[in-house]
């Protein structure tokens, strides 16, 4: 599926620095979603999606509320989105999405990680051809066939339903059908999602072991600790 399961849910901080970066990512994404519409997630689908994405990652309520309040104040920072592509340790493909009030700083810091942690930045399109933007919902469960049938019967554009590890079901759908899939799964009695977001999934993956796997972990950790980095996608399995 493009990223090892434990890596894809590893944005929860293990250090103070990583926790600070996580709070910043959540605050900026929620700010952007709230600024584009209503502060009520029932009326603002983008805000609802952002809140669902960071649900379960121990984001303090005051961080969320400050971001929404700041967005409704019609002032504050103006953030610029950017995407960088390249290669990481072991030749894996990497896409980095940033959201920053200083585009030059964001680029400089991302480039430094690539240069110092065994990666190489590429041009636009260097690796993005290998990734598809999809809605992903992961949750505890075992009956893949039942979930698949229910989603199809609900007229949802299902791309894949599989079990990446014992006791976990991963659903991939067309991005526009993500919230429709959420509602269907909740009707089945599934209330807690481990992952619930629009993401990038690689068509072709690469397995990393040994030294390459260790370098890869350090590389991804360094990117995720940058305040301006919102998302890191790779095609590595470890």
Protein backbone atom coordinates (compact mmCIF):
# COMPACT_ATOMS: atom_id res chain seq x y z
CA UNK A 1 0.00 0.00 0.00
CA UNK A 2 2.96 2.31 -0.16
CA UNK A 3 3.90 2.89 3.47
CA UNK A 4 4.47 0.32 6.17
CA UNK A 5 1.48 0.45 8.52
CA UNK A 6 3.48 1.35 11.60
CA UNK A 7 5.19 4.20 9.72
CA UNK A 8 1.91 5.57 8.41
CA UNK A 9 0.54 6.01 11.92
CA UNK A 10 3.83 7.14 13.51
CA UNK A 11 3.21 10.88 13.45
CA UNK A 12 2.29 10.65 17.15
CA UNK A 13 5.24 12.22 18.88
CA UNK A 14 7.86 10.26 20.80
CA UNK A 15 9.84 13.40 21.69
CA UNK A 16 9.01 16.94 22.70
CA UNK A 17 10.26 18.27 19.37
CA UNK A 18 8.15 15.83 17.37
CA UNK A 19 5.10 16.59 19.52
CA UNK A 20 5.52 20.31 18.88
CA UNK A 21 5.75 19.66 15.14
CA UNK A 22 2.60 17.51 15.27
CA UNK A 23 0.66 20.27 17.05
CA UNK A 24 1.84 22.76 14.44
CA UNK A 25 0.75 20.50 11.57
CA UNK A 26 -2.68 20.02 13.11
CA UNK A 27 -3.09 23.72 13.86
CA UNK A 28 -2.21 24.80 10.33
CA UNK A 29 -4.37 22.22 8.60
CA UNK A 30 -7.35 22.98 10.82
CA UNK A 31 -6.76 26.73 10.34
CA UNK A 32 -6.79 26.39 6.55
CA UNK A 33 -9.93 24.24 6.59
CA UNK A 34 -11.78 26.61 8.95
CA UNK A 35 -10.71 29.69 7.02
CA UNK A 36 -12.32 28.30 3.87
CA UNK A 37 -15.79 27.93 5.39
CA UNK A 38 -17.88 27.55 8.51
CA UNK A 39 -16.24 26.91 11.90
CA UNK A 40 -18.86 24.18 12.40
CA UNK A 41 -17.52 20.80 11.13
CA UNK A 42 -21.10 19.69 10.49
CA UNK A 43 -21.30 22.36 7.80
CA UNK A 44 -17.64 22.43 6.71
CA UNK A 45 -16.56 19.09 5.22
CA UNK A 46 -12.90 20.16 4.92
CA UNK A 47 -12.79 21.06 8.61
CA UNK A 48 -14.50 17.81 9.53
CA UNK A 49 -11.93 15.86 7.51
CA UNK A 50 -9.05 17.72 9.21
CA UNK A 51 -10.46 17.02 12.67
CA UNK A 52 -10.96 13.34 11.80
CA UNK A 53 -7.40 13.12 10.51
CA UNK A 54 -5.90 14.23 13.82
CA UNK A 55 -8.43 12.47 16.03
CA UNK A 56 -6.71 10.08 18.42
CA UNK A 57 -3.34 11.84 18.16
CA UNK A 58 -3.65 13.63 21.50
CA UNK A 59 -4.03 17.13 20.03
CA UNK A 60 -5.15 19.41 22.91
CA UNK A 61 -8.60 20.93 22.49
CA UNK A 62 -7.19 24.42 23.01
CA UNK A 63 -4.82 23.97 20.05
CA UNK A 64 -7.78 23.04 17.85
CA UNK A 65 -9.98 25.87 19.11
CA UNK A 66 -7.23 28.50 18.72
CA UNK A 67 -6.73 27.44 15.11
CA UNK A 68 -10.45 27.75 14.38
CA UNK A 69 -10.73 31.08 16.21
CA UNK A 70 -7.71 32.47 14.36
CA UNK A 71 -9.19 31.41 11.01
CA UNK A 72 -12.46 33.19 11.79
CA UNK A 73 -10.58 36.38 12.76
CA UNK A 74 -9.78 37.06 9.09
CA UNK A 75 -6.21 37.85 10.05
CA UNK A 76 -3.04 36.13 11.14
CA UNK A 77 -0.72 34.10 8.98
CA UNK A 78 -1.11 33.37 5.31
CA UNK A 79 0.11 29.87 4.51
CA UNK A 80 1.52 28.68 1.19
CA UNK A 81 1.27 25.03 0.17
CA UNK A 82 4.10 23.32 -1.72
CA UNK A 83 4.99 19.78 -2.78
CA UNK A 84 8.49 18.32 -3.16
CA UNK A 85 9.45 15.03 -4.78
CA UNK A 86 12.57 12.92 -4.59
CA UNK A 87 14.23 9.74 -3.42
CA UNK A 88 15.07 8.54 0.05
CA UNK A 89 17.40 5.86 1.48
CA UNK A 90 17.33 2.60 -0.43
CA UNK A 91 15.99 4.35 -3.54
CA UNK A 92 12.46 4.72 -2.17
CA UNK A 93 10.21 7.36 -3.69
CA UNK A 94 9.20 10.30 -1.49
CA UNK A 95 6.63 13.09 -1.70
CA UNK A 96 6.68 15.86 0.91
CA UNK A 97 3.81 18.33 1.34
CA UNK A 98 4.48 21.57 3.21
CA UNK A 99 2.28 24.38 4.48
CA UNK A 100 4.27 27.42 5.53
CA UNK A 101 4.22 31.17 6.02
CA UNK A 102 7.75 31.22 4.58
CA UNK A 103 8.15 29.18 1.39
CA UNK A 104 11.91 29.75 1.17
CA UNK A 105 12.44 28.44 4.69
CA UNK A 106 10.28 25.39 4.04
CA UNK A 107 12.21 24.48 0.89
CA UNK A 108 15.59 25.06 2.56
CA UNK A 109 14.75 22.81 5.51
CA UNK A 110 13.30 20.02 3.38
CA UNK A 111 16.33 20.15 1.07
CA UNK A 112 18.68 19.95 4.07
CA UNK A 113 17.04 16.73 5.28
CA UNK A 114 17.29 15.17 1.84
CA UNK A 115 20.95 16.18 1.55
CA UNK A 116 22.00 15.07 5.03
CA UNK A 117 19.85 11.98 5.55
CA UNK A 118 20.58 9.93 2.45
CA UNK A 119 18.01 11.36 0.03
CA UNK A 120 17.97 13.32 -3.21
CA UNK A 121 15.43 15.93 -4.28
CA UNK A 122 14.01 15.55 -7.77
CA UNK A 123 12.03 17.66 -10.20
CA UNK A 124 8.25 17.93 -10.23
CA UNK A 125 6.83 14.67 -11.57
CA UNK A 126 9.92 12.65 -10.65
CA UNK A 127 7.96 10.20 -8.51
CA UNK A 128 4.35 11.42 -8.35
CA UNK A 129 3.40 9.25 -11.33
CA UNK A 130 3.67 6.26 -8.96
CA UNK A 131 1.13 7.63 -6.44
CA UNK A 132 -2.65 7.93 -6.43
CA UNK A 133 -4.68 10.24 -4.21
CA UNK A 134 -7.25 8.13 -2.38
CA UNK A 135 -9.45 8.22 0.68
CA UNK A 136 -8.23 5.80 3.35
CA UNK A 137 -10.00 4.45 6.42
CA UNK A 138 -8.29 1.90 8.68
CA UNK A 139 -9.97 0.29 11.67
CA UNK A 140 -10.01 -2.79 13.86
CA UNK A 141 -11.76 -5.71 12.18
CA UNK A 142 -11.41 -9.03 10.40
CA UNK A 143 -14.31 -9.50 7.97
CA UNK A 144 -12.94 -7.99 4.77
CA UNK A 145 -15.62 -9.57 2.58
CA UNK A 146 -18.50 -8.14 4.64
CA UNK A 147 -16.97 -4.65 4.62
CA UNK A 148 -16.37 -4.81 0.88
CA UNK A 149 -19.93 -5.91 0.16
CA UNK A 150 -21.43 -3.21 2.38
CA UNK A 151 -19.40 -0.43 0.73
CA UNK A 152 -20.25 -1.60 -2.78
CA UNK A 153 -23.95 -1.88 -1.91
CA UNK A 154 -23.78 1.73 -0.66
CA UNK A 155 -22.63 2.78 -4.15
CA UNK A 156 -19.18 3.80 -2.97
CA UNK A 157 -16.27 3.84 -5.43
CA UNK A 158 -14.16 1.20 -3.67
CA UNK A 159 -10.57 0.87 -4.86
CA UNK A 160 -9.37 -1.77 -2.38
CA UNK A 161 -10.26 -3.42 0.91
CA UNK A 162 -7.54 -5.48 2.58
CA UNK A 163 -6.00 -6.51 5.87
CA UNK A 164 -2.44 -5.06 6.11
CA UNK A 165 -1.94 -6.87 9.41
CA UNK A 166 -3.89 -9.18 11.70
CA UNK A 167 -7.00 -7.55 13.10
CA UNK A 168 -6.80 -4.43 10.90
CA UNK A 169 -8.92 -3.62 7.85
CA UNK A 170 -7.84 -0.90 5.42
CA UNK A 171 -10.33 0.62 2.99
CA UNK A 172 -9.32 2.70 -0.02
CA UNK A 173 -11.97 4.68 -1.90
CA UNK A 174 -12.20 7.57 -4.33
CA UNK A 175 -11.41 10.80 -2.39
CA UNK A 176 -14.88 12.24 -2.96
CA UNK A 177 -16.42 9.14 -1.38
CA UNK A 178 -14.41 9.23 1.86
CA UNK A 179 -17.17 10.69 4.02
CA UNK A 180 -19.79 8.51 2.38
CA UNK A 181 -17.62 5.51 3.30
CA UNK A 182 -17.31 6.81 6.89
CA UNK A 183 -21.10 6.92 7.19
CA UNK A 184 -21.46 3.42 5.77
CA UNK A 185 -18.91 1.96 8.19
CA UNK A 186 -20.51 3.73 11.13
CA UNK A 187 -23.85 2.22 10.11
CA UNK A 188 -22.09 -1.15 10.41
CA UNK A 189 -21.22 -0.31 14.02
CA UNK A 190 -17.61 0.81 13.44
CA UNK A 191 -17.08 3.98 15.46
CA UNK A 192 -13.31 4.30 15.89
CA UNK A 193 -10.97 4.78 12.93
CA UNK A 194 -7.19 4.41 13.16
CA UNK A 195 -6.70 6.36 9.94
CA UNK A 196 -9.34 8.52 8.25
CA UNK A 197 -7.96 10.84 5.60
CA UNK A 198 -7.24 11.57 1.97
CA UNK A 199 -3.74 10.35 1.29
CA UNK A 200 -1.30 9.27 -1.42
CA UNK A 201 -0.84 5.54 -2.04
CA UNK A 202 1.95 4.13 -4.21
CA UNK A 203 1.29 1.69 -7.07
CA UNK A 204 4.72 0.07 -6.79
CA UNK A 205 6.50 -0.37 -3.47
CA UNK A 206 10.03 -1.22 -2.36
CA UNK A 207 11.04 -3.34 0.64
CA UNK A 208 13.77 -1.91 2.86
CA UNK A 209 15.72 -3.95 5.39
CA UNK A 210 18.81 -3.65 7.56
CA UNK A 211 20.81 -0.45 7.23
CA UNK A 212 18.53 0.98 4.54
CA UNK A 213 15.51 0.54 6.82
CA UNK A 214 17.26 2.29 9.70
CA UNK A 215 18.36 5.19 7.50
CA UNK A 216 14.82 5.43 6.14
CA UNK A 217 13.33 5.74 9.63
CA UNK A 218 15.80 8.51 10.52
CA UNK A 219 15.07 10.26 7.22
CA UNK A 220 11.28 10.20 7.68
CA UNK A 221 11.53 11.21 11.35
CA UNK A 222 13.66 14.21 10.40
CA UNK A 223 11.12 15.34 7.81
CA UNK A 224 8.18 14.89 10.17
CA UNK A 225 9.90 17.00 12.82
CA UNK A 226 10.02 20.03 10.52
CA UNK A 227 7.33 22.54 11.48
CA UNK A 228 6.46 23.29 7.85
CA UNK A 229 6.01 19.67 6.77
CA UNK A 230 2.39 18.51 6.74
CA UNK A 231 2.66 15.07 5.14
CA UNK A 232 5.34 12.63 4.04
CA UNK A 233 4.44 9.86 1.59
CA UNK A 234 6.76 7.09 0.44
CA UNK A 235 6.59 3.77 -1.36
CA UNK A 236 8.78 2.04 1.25
CA UNK A 237 7.82 -1.08 3.19
CA UNK A 238 9.91 -1.88 6.25
